[in-house]
């Protein structure tokens, strides 16, 4: 019994980073939140560009919030299943659901960023990239493209 409990604790402990609920904040760069807005303030946007960027943000905001809520719920359920009596197949199925929701959220973020990128001029994109680079934790350089 002790071995089984210890094994369960080890498994749950090793999976906890995967299951941590840390939904992206509206303030995350790239989300279209306040930090994104602060970055845009220095780009000399036209009123039309501002309006179009706001429309893109509104277009994706509802979908992203709904997906984030579904993901949060699925992760909670997965944690409960890991500590409960669910079968391995049930746990695997829930894990696949979590991964699918994570991918769906990442795709929504990517599509919204592409739409926003399409509104900016090449010079504005370069200026935005430089600003975002400066705001990165530790001001680490981005990984080179391969």
N, C-alpha and C. Protein backbone atom coordinates (compact mmCIF):
# COMPACT_ATOMS: atom_id res chain seq x y z
N UNK A 1 0.83 -1.20 0.00
CA UNK A 1 0.00 0.00 0.00
C UNK A 1 0.86 1.26 0.00
N UNK A 2 1.92 1.25 0.80
CA UNK A 2 2.81 2.41 0.88
C UNK A 2 3.51 2.64 -0.46
N UNK A 3 3.93 1.54 -1.11
CA UNK A 3 4.58 1.68 -2.41
C UNK A 3 3.63 2.28 -3.45
N UNK A 4 2.38 1.83 -3.40
CA UNK A 4 1.40 2.34 -4.36
C UNK A 4 1.14 3.83 -4.12
N UNK A 5 1.04 4.24 -2.87
CA UNK A 5 0.83 5.66 -2.54
C UNK A 5 2.03 6.49 -2.96
N UNK A 6 3.23 5.96 -2.71
CA UNK A 6 4.44 6.67 -3.08
C UNK A 6 4.53 6.82 -4.60
N UNK A 7 4.20 5.76 -5.32
CA UNK A 7 4.23 5.82 -6.78
C UNK A 7 3.24 6.86 -7.31
N UNK A 8 2.05 6.88 -6.71
CA UNK A 8 1.04 7.86 -7.12
C UNK A 8 1.52 9.28 -6.87
N UNK A 9 2.13 9.51 -5.70
CA UNK A 9 2.66 10.84 -5.39
C UNK A 9 3.75 11.25 -6.36
N UNK A 10 4.63 10.31 -6.69
CA UNK A 10 5.70 10.62 -7.62
C UNK A 10 5.16 10.97 -9.01
N UNK A 11 4.18 10.21 -9.45
CA UNK A 11 3.59 10.47 -10.77
C UNK A 11 2.90 11.83 -10.78
N UNK A 12 2.09 12.08 -9.75
CA UNK A 12 1.38 13.38 -9.68
C UNK A 12 2.38 14.53 -9.59
N UNK A 13 3.43 14.34 -8.81
CA UNK A 13 4.43 15.39 -8.66
C UNK A 13 5.16 15.66 -9.96
N UNK A 14 5.46 14.61 -10.70
CA UNK A 14 6.19 14.82 -11.95
C UNK A 14 5.30 15.43 -13.03
N UNK A 15 4.00 15.23 -12.94
CA UNK A 15 3.09 15.79 -13.93
C UNK A 15 2.57 17.17 -13.55
N UNK A 16 2.79 17.58 -12.31
CA UNK A 16 2.21 18.85 -11.86
C UNK A 16 2.61 20.04 -12.71
N UNK A 17 3.86 20.13 -13.21
CA UNK A 17 4.15 21.27 -14.08
C UNK A 17 3.31 21.27 -15.36
N UNK A 18 2.96 20.08 -15.83
CA UNK A 18 2.14 20.00 -17.04
C UNK A 18 0.71 20.42 -16.77
N UNK A 19 0.28 20.26 -15.53
CA UNK A 19 -1.11 20.49 -15.20
C UNK A 19 -1.36 21.83 -14.53
N UNK A 20 -0.32 22.58 -14.31
CA UNK A 20 -0.48 23.86 -13.62
C UNK A 20 -1.41 24.77 -14.41
N UNK A 21 -2.32 25.36 -13.68
CA UNK A 21 -3.23 26.29 -14.34
C UNK A 21 -2.62 27.67 -14.29
N UNK A 22 -2.13 28.10 -15.41
CA UNK A 22 -1.58 29.44 -15.54
C UNK A 22 -2.03 30.00 -16.87
N UNK A 23 -3.33 30.31 -16.97
CA UNK A 23 -3.82 30.80 -18.25
C UNK A 23 -3.14 32.09 -18.61
N UNK A 24 -2.95 32.29 -19.89
CA UNK A 24 -2.31 33.53 -20.31
C UNK A 24 -3.14 34.72 -19.88
N UNK A 25 -2.48 35.72 -19.45
CA UNK A 25 -3.14 36.93 -19.00
C UNK A 25 -3.43 37.83 -20.18
N UNK A 26 -4.43 38.63 -20.01
CA UNK A 26 -4.74 39.61 -21.05
C UNK A 26 -3.56 40.56 -21.22
N UNK A 27 -2.74 40.66 -20.18
CA UNK A 27 -1.59 41.56 -20.24
C UNK A 27 -0.38 40.92 -20.90
N UNK A 28 -0.47 39.64 -21.25
CA UNK A 28 0.67 38.99 -21.89
C UNK A 28 0.96 39.62 -23.24
N UNK A 29 2.25 39.80 -23.56
CA UNK A 29 2.58 40.32 -24.88
C UNK A 29 2.06 39.36 -25.94
N UNK A 30 1.54 39.89 -26.98
CA UNK A 30 1.05 39.04 -28.05
C UNK A 30 -0.42 38.73 -27.91
N UNK A 31 -0.98 38.99 -26.74
CA UNK A 31 -2.39 38.69 -26.55
C UNK A 31 -3.27 39.81 -27.07
N UNK A 32 -2.75 41.00 -27.07
CA UNK A 32 -3.56 42.13 -27.47
C UNK A 32 -4.01 42.93 -26.26
N UNK A 33 -3.42 42.66 -25.11
CA UNK A 33 -3.80 43.33 -23.87
C UNK A 33 -3.02 44.60 -23.64
N UNK A 34 -3.00 45.05 -22.38
CA UNK A 34 -2.37 46.34 -22.06
C UNK A 34 -0.92 46.46 -22.51
N UNK A 35 -0.12 45.42 -22.32
CA UNK A 35 1.28 45.52 -22.76
C UNK A 35 1.35 45.67 -24.27
N UNK A 36 0.50 44.94 -24.96
CA UNK A 36 0.46 45.06 -26.41
C UNK A 36 0.10 46.49 -26.78
N UNK A 37 -0.91 47.04 -26.08
CA UNK A 37 -1.32 48.41 -26.33
C UNK A 37 -0.21 49.40 -26.04
N UNK A 38 0.54 49.16 -24.97
CA UNK A 38 1.66 50.05 -24.64
C UNK A 38 2.70 50.00 -25.74
N UNK A 39 2.92 48.83 -26.30
CA UNK A 39 3.87 48.71 -27.41
C UNK A 39 3.37 49.48 -28.64
N UNK A 40 2.07 49.47 -28.85
CA UNK A 40 1.51 50.11 -30.04
C UNK A 40 1.52 51.63 -29.93
N UNK A 41 1.53 52.15 -28.71
CA UNK A 41 1.49 53.61 -28.53
C UNK A 41 2.66 54.30 -29.20
N UNK A 42 3.78 53.66 -29.31
CA UNK A 42 4.98 54.28 -29.86
C UNK A 42 5.17 54.01 -31.36
N UNK A 43 4.15 53.49 -32.01
CA UNK A 43 4.30 53.10 -33.42
C UNK A 43 3.70 54.11 -34.40
N UNK A 44 3.19 55.21 -33.90
CA UNK A 44 2.57 56.21 -34.77
C UNK A 44 1.49 55.61 -35.66
N UNK A 45 0.56 54.91 -35.04
CA UNK A 45 -0.53 54.29 -35.78
C UNK A 45 -1.50 55.35 -36.29
N UNK A 46 -2.05 55.08 -37.44
CA UNK A 46 -3.11 55.95 -37.96
C UNK A 46 -4.40 55.60 -37.21
N UNK A 47 -5.38 56.49 -37.21
CA UNK A 47 -6.66 56.15 -36.59
C UNK A 47 -7.29 54.89 -37.20
N UNK A 48 -7.12 54.72 -38.51
CA UNK A 48 -7.66 53.53 -39.16
C UNK A 48 -6.96 52.26 -38.64
N UNK A 49 -5.64 52.32 -38.49
CA UNK A 49 -4.91 51.16 -37.97
C UNK A 49 -5.37 50.83 -36.56
N UNK A 50 -5.54 51.84 -35.72
CA UNK A 50 -6.01 51.61 -34.34
C UNK A 50 -7.38 50.94 -34.35
N UNK A 51 -8.26 51.42 -35.20
CA UNK A 51 -9.60 50.86 -35.29
C UNK A 51 -9.55 49.40 -35.76
N UNK A 52 -8.74 49.14 -36.76
CA UNK A 52 -8.64 47.78 -37.30
C UNK A 52 -8.01 46.83 -36.28
N UNK A 53 -7.00 47.28 -35.54
CA UNK A 53 -6.38 46.45 -34.51
C UNK A 53 -7.38 46.13 -33.40
N UNK A 54 -8.17 47.12 -33.02
CA UNK A 54 -9.18 46.90 -31.99
C UNK A 54 -10.23 45.89 -32.47
N UNK A 55 -10.60 45.97 -33.73
CA UNK A 55 -11.57 45.02 -34.30
C UNK A 55 -11.03 43.60 -34.28
N UNK A 56 -9.75 43.44 -34.60
CA UNK A 56 -9.13 42.10 -34.57
C UNK A 56 -9.14 41.57 -33.14
N UNK A 57 -8.76 42.41 -32.20
CA UNK A 57 -8.74 42.00 -30.80
C UNK A 57 -10.13 41.54 -30.36
N UNK A 58 -11.14 42.31 -30.70
CA UNK A 58 -12.51 41.95 -30.32
C UNK A 58 -12.97 40.67 -31.00
N UNK A 59 -12.53 40.48 -32.23
CA UNK A 59 -12.91 39.28 -32.98
C UNK A 59 -12.44 38.01 -32.28
N UNK A 60 -11.23 38.03 -31.74
CA UNK A 60 -10.65 36.82 -31.15
C UNK A 60 -10.87 36.71 -29.65
N UNK A 61 -11.19 37.80 -28.99
CA UNK A 61 -11.25 37.81 -27.54
C UNK A 61 -12.24 36.79 -26.98
N UNK A 62 -13.45 36.73 -27.53
CA UNK A 62 -14.47 35.80 -27.03
C UNK A 62 -14.07 34.35 -27.20
N UNK A 63 -13.55 34.01 -28.38
CA UNK A 63 -13.12 32.64 -28.63
C UNK A 63 -12.00 32.24 -27.68
N UNK A 64 -11.06 33.16 -27.48
CA UNK A 64 -9.92 32.84 -26.63
C UNK A 64 -10.36 32.67 -25.18
N UNK A 65 -11.25 33.50 -24.72
CA UNK A 65 -11.74 33.41 -23.34
C UNK A 65 -12.49 32.09 -23.13
N UNK A 66 -13.33 31.73 -24.09
CA UNK A 66 -14.08 30.48 -23.99
C UNK A 66 -13.13 29.27 -23.98
N UNK A 67 -12.14 29.28 -24.85
CA UNK A 67 -11.18 28.18 -24.90
C UNK A 67 -10.36 28.12 -23.62
N UNK A 68 -9.96 29.28 -23.10
CA UNK A 68 -9.21 29.32 -21.84
C UNK A 68 -10.03 28.73 -20.69
N UNK A 69 -11.32 29.04 -20.64
CA UNK A 69 -12.18 28.49 -19.59
C UNK A 69 -12.32 26.98 -19.73
N UNK A 70 -12.49 26.51 -20.96
CA UNK A 70 -12.58 25.06 -21.19
C UNK A 70 -11.28 24.37 -20.78
N UNK A 71 -10.15 25.00 -21.10
CA UNK A 71 -8.85 24.44 -20.75
C UNK A 71 -8.68 24.38 -19.24
N UNK A 72 -9.05 25.44 -18.56
CA UNK A 72 -8.94 25.48 -17.10
C UNK A 72 -9.76 24.35 -16.47
N UNK A 73 -10.99 24.16 -16.98
CA UNK A 73 -11.86 23.10 -16.47
C UNK A 73 -11.26 21.72 -16.75
N UNK A 74 -10.77 21.51 -17.95
CA UNK A 74 -10.20 20.21 -18.31
C UNK A 74 -8.97 19.89 -17.47
N UNK A 75 -8.13 20.90 -17.19
CA UNK A 75 -6.95 20.67 -16.36
C UNK A 75 -7.34 20.33 -14.93
N UNK A 76 -8.37 20.98 -14.42
CA UNK A 76 -8.86 20.66 -13.07
C UNK A 76 -9.37 19.23 -13.03
N UNK A 77 -10.14 18.85 -14.04
CA UNK A 77 -10.66 17.49 -14.11
C UNK A 77 -9.52 16.47 -14.20
N UNK A 78 -8.50 16.78 -14.98
CA UNK A 78 -7.37 15.87 -15.12
C UNK A 78 -6.65 15.70 -13.78
N UNK A 79 -6.45 16.79 -13.06
CA UNK A 79 -5.81 16.69 -11.74
C UNK A 79 -6.63 15.82 -10.80
N UNK A 80 -7.94 16.00 -10.83
CA UNK A 80 -8.82 15.21 -9.98
C UNK A 80 -8.76 13.73 -10.38
N UNK A 81 -8.71 13.47 -11.67
CA UNK A 81 -8.62 12.09 -12.14
C UNK A 81 -7.31 11.44 -11.72
N UNK A 82 -6.23 12.22 -11.76
CA UNK A 82 -4.92 11.68 -11.37
C UNK A 82 -4.90 11.27 -9.91
N UNK A 83 -5.59 12.01 -9.07
CA UNK A 83 -5.58 11.67 -7.65
C UNK A 83 -6.75 10.78 -7.27
N UNK A 84 -7.65 10.52 -8.21
CA UNK A 84 -8.82 9.70 -7.93
C UNK A 84 -8.66 8.28 -8.44
N UNK A 85 -9.78 7.68 -8.79
CA UNK A 85 -9.81 6.27 -9.20
C UNK A 85 -10.07 6.09 -10.69
N UNK A 86 -9.83 7.09 -11.48
CA UNK A 86 -10.07 6.98 -12.93
C UNK A 86 -9.10 5.98 -13.55
N UNK A 87 -9.55 5.35 -14.61
CA UNK A 87 -8.69 4.39 -15.31
C UNK A 87 -7.63 5.13 -16.11
N UNK A 88 -6.59 4.41 -16.48
CA UNK A 88 -5.54 5.01 -17.30
C UNK A 88 -6.09 5.52 -18.63
N UNK A 89 -7.03 4.77 -19.20
CA UNK A 89 -7.63 5.20 -20.47
C UNK A 89 -8.40 6.51 -20.31
N UNK A 90 -9.13 6.64 -19.21
CA UNK A 90 -9.87 7.88 -18.96
C UNK A 90 -8.91 9.06 -18.78
N UNK A 91 -7.82 8.81 -18.06
CA UNK A 91 -6.83 9.86 -17.82
C UNK A 91 -6.16 10.25 -19.14
N UNK A 92 -5.81 9.26 -19.94
CA UNK A 92 -5.20 9.55 -21.24
C UNK A 92 -6.14 10.37 -22.12
N UNK A 93 -7.40 10.00 -22.11
CA UNK A 93 -8.39 10.72 -22.90
C UNK A 93 -8.51 12.18 -22.44
N UNK A 94 -8.54 12.39 -21.15
CA UNK A 94 -8.63 13.76 -20.62
C UNK A 94 -7.37 14.54 -20.95
N UNK A 95 -6.22 13.87 -20.87
CA UNK A 95 -4.96 14.53 -21.21
C UNK A 95 -4.96 14.96 -22.68
N UNK A 96 -5.48 14.11 -23.55
CA UNK A 96 -5.57 14.46 -24.97
C UNK A 96 -6.50 15.66 -25.17
N UNK A 97 -7.56 15.72 -24.39
CA UNK A 97 -8.47 16.88 -24.46
C UNK A 97 -7.73 18.15 -24.05
N UNK A 98 -6.94 18.07 -22.97
CA UNK A 98 -6.16 19.23 -22.52
C UNK A 98 -5.21 19.67 -23.62
N UNK A 99 -4.48 18.73 -24.21
CA UNK A 99 -3.53 19.07 -25.27
C UNK A 99 -4.24 19.71 -26.46
N UNK A 100 -5.40 19.17 -26.81
CA UNK A 100 -6.16 19.72 -27.94
C UNK A 100 -6.59 21.16 -27.66
N UNK A 101 -7.04 21.43 -26.45
CA UNK A 101 -7.46 22.78 -26.08
C UNK A 101 -6.26 23.73 -26.04
N UNK A 102 -5.11 23.24 -25.57
CA UNK A 102 -3.90 24.07 -25.58
C UNK A 102 -3.51 24.44 -27.01
N UNK A 103 -3.59 23.46 -27.89
CA UNK A 103 -3.27 23.72 -29.31
C UNK A 103 -4.27 24.69 -29.94
N UNK A 104 -5.53 24.52 -29.59
CA UNK A 104 -6.57 25.41 -30.12
C UNK A 104 -6.32 26.85 -29.65
N UNK A 105 -5.97 27.03 -28.38
CA UNK A 105 -5.69 28.36 -27.86
C UNK A 105 -4.45 28.96 -28.52
N UNK A 106 -3.43 28.15 -28.69
CA UNK A 106 -2.21 28.63 -29.36
C UNK A 106 -2.52 29.05 -30.80
N UNK A 107 -3.35 28.30 -31.48
CA UNK A 107 -3.73 28.65 -32.86
C UNK A 107 -4.50 29.96 -32.92
N UNK A 108 -5.40 30.16 -31.96
CA UNK A 108 -6.14 31.42 -31.92
C UNK A 108 -5.21 32.60 -31.69
N UNK A 109 -4.26 32.43 -30.77
CA UNK A 109 -3.29 33.50 -30.52
C UNK A 109 -2.49 33.80 -31.79
N UNK A 110 -2.04 32.73 -32.45
CA UNK A 110 -1.24 32.89 -33.66
C UNK A 110 -2.03 33.61 -34.74
N UNK A 111 -3.27 33.18 -34.97
CA UNK A 111 -4.09 33.80 -36.01
C UNK A 111 -4.37 35.27 -35.69
N UNK A 112 -4.59 35.59 -34.42
CA UNK A 112 -4.84 36.99 -34.08
C UNK A 112 -3.58 37.82 -34.28
N UNK A 113 -2.43 37.25 -33.95
CA UNK A 113 -1.17 37.97 -34.17
C UNK A 113 -0.91 38.19 -35.66
N UNK A 114 -1.21 37.19 -36.48
CA UNK A 114 -1.05 37.36 -37.93
C UNK A 114 -1.96 38.46 -38.46
N UNK A 115 -3.19 38.47 -37.97
CA UNK A 115 -4.13 39.50 -38.42
C UNK A 115 -3.64 40.88 -38.01
N UNK A 116 -3.14 41.00 -36.78
CA UNK A 116 -2.62 42.29 -36.32
C UNK A 116 -1.37 42.68 -37.10
N UNK A 117 -0.53 41.72 -37.37
CA UNK A 117 0.69 41.97 -38.14
C UNK A 117 0.36 42.54 -39.51
N UNK A 118 -0.70 42.02 -40.12
CA UNK A 118 -1.09 42.47 -41.45
C UNK A 118 -1.55 43.91 -41.50
N UNK A 119 -1.86 44.48 -40.37
CA UNK A 119 -2.32 45.87 -40.31
C UNK A 119 -1.14 46.83 -40.21
N UNK A 120 -0.02 46.36 -39.68
CA UNK A 120 1.14 47.21 -39.46
C UNK A 120 2.00 47.31 -40.72
N UNK A 121 2.68 48.42 -40.87
CA UNK A 121 3.64 48.58 -41.96
C UNK A 121 4.91 47.81 -41.59
N UNK A 122 5.78 47.52 -42.56
CA UNK A 122 7.04 46.84 -42.23
C UNK A 122 7.86 47.60 -41.18
N UNK A 123 7.87 48.91 -41.25
CA UNK A 123 8.63 49.70 -40.27
C UNK A 123 8.01 49.58 -38.88
N UNK A 124 6.69 49.57 -38.81
CA UNK A 124 6.01 49.42 -37.52
C UNK A 124 6.26 48.04 -36.94
N UNK A 125 6.28 47.02 -37.79
CA UNK A 125 6.58 45.66 -37.32
C UNK A 125 7.96 45.59 -36.71
N UNK A 126 8.93 46.20 -37.39
CA UNK A 126 10.31 46.19 -36.88
C UNK A 126 10.40 46.93 -35.55
N UNK A 127 9.75 48.06 -35.45
CA UNK A 127 9.77 48.83 -34.20
C UNK A 127 9.08 48.05 -33.08
N UNK A 128 7.98 47.39 -33.39
CA UNK A 128 7.27 46.59 -32.39
C UNK A 128 8.13 45.42 -31.92
N UNK A 129 8.79 44.75 -32.86
CA UNK A 129 9.66 43.63 -32.50
C UNK A 129 10.78 44.10 -31.57
N UNK A 130 11.34 45.25 -31.86
CA UNK A 130 12.41 45.79 -31.01
C UNK A 130 11.88 46.11 -29.61
N UNK A 131 10.70 46.69 -29.53
CA UNK A 131 10.11 47.01 -28.22
C UNK A 131 9.81 45.74 -27.43
N UNK A 132 9.26 44.75 -28.09
CA UNK A 132 8.93 43.50 -27.40
C UNK A 132 10.20 42.79 -26.94
N UNK A 133 11.25 42.87 -27.72
CA UNK A 133 12.53 42.27 -27.34
C UNK A 133 13.04 42.90 -26.05
N UNK A 134 12.91 44.21 -25.94
CA UNK A 134 13.38 44.91 -24.75
C UNK A 134 12.57 44.54 -23.52
N UNK A 135 11.32 44.16 -23.70
CA UNK A 135 10.45 43.82 -22.58
C UNK A 135 10.56 42.36 -22.15
N UNK A 136 11.27 41.56 -22.90
CA UNK A 136 11.40 40.15 -22.54
C UNK A 136 12.12 40.03 -21.21
N UNK A 137 11.72 39.06 -20.37
CA UNK A 137 12.40 38.88 -19.09
C UNK A 137 13.89 38.65 -19.30
N UNK A 138 14.68 39.40 -18.60
CA UNK A 138 16.13 39.25 -18.72
C UNK A 138 16.67 39.78 -20.03
N UNK A 139 15.78 40.35 -20.86
CA UNK A 139 16.19 40.89 -22.16
C UNK A 139 17.01 39.87 -22.94
N UNK A 140 16.54 38.62 -22.90
CA UNK A 140 17.22 37.55 -23.63
C UNK A 140 16.99 37.71 -25.11
N UNK A 141 17.99 37.41 -25.91
CA UNK A 141 17.77 37.46 -27.36
C UNK A 141 16.87 36.31 -27.77
N UNK A 142 16.12 36.54 -28.83
CA UNK A 142 15.25 35.50 -29.34
C UNK A 142 16.10 34.40 -29.97
N UNK A 143 15.55 33.18 -29.97
CA UNK A 143 16.26 32.07 -30.59
C UNK A 143 16.35 32.30 -32.09
N UNK A 144 17.48 31.98 -32.69
CA UNK A 144 17.58 32.15 -34.15
C UNK A 144 16.67 31.17 -34.86
N UNK A 145 16.14 31.60 -35.99
CA UNK A 145 15.29 30.72 -36.78
C UNK A 145 16.14 29.68 -37.46
N UNK A 146 15.57 28.49 -37.56
CA UNK A 146 16.31 27.39 -38.20
C UNK A 146 15.68 26.99 -39.49
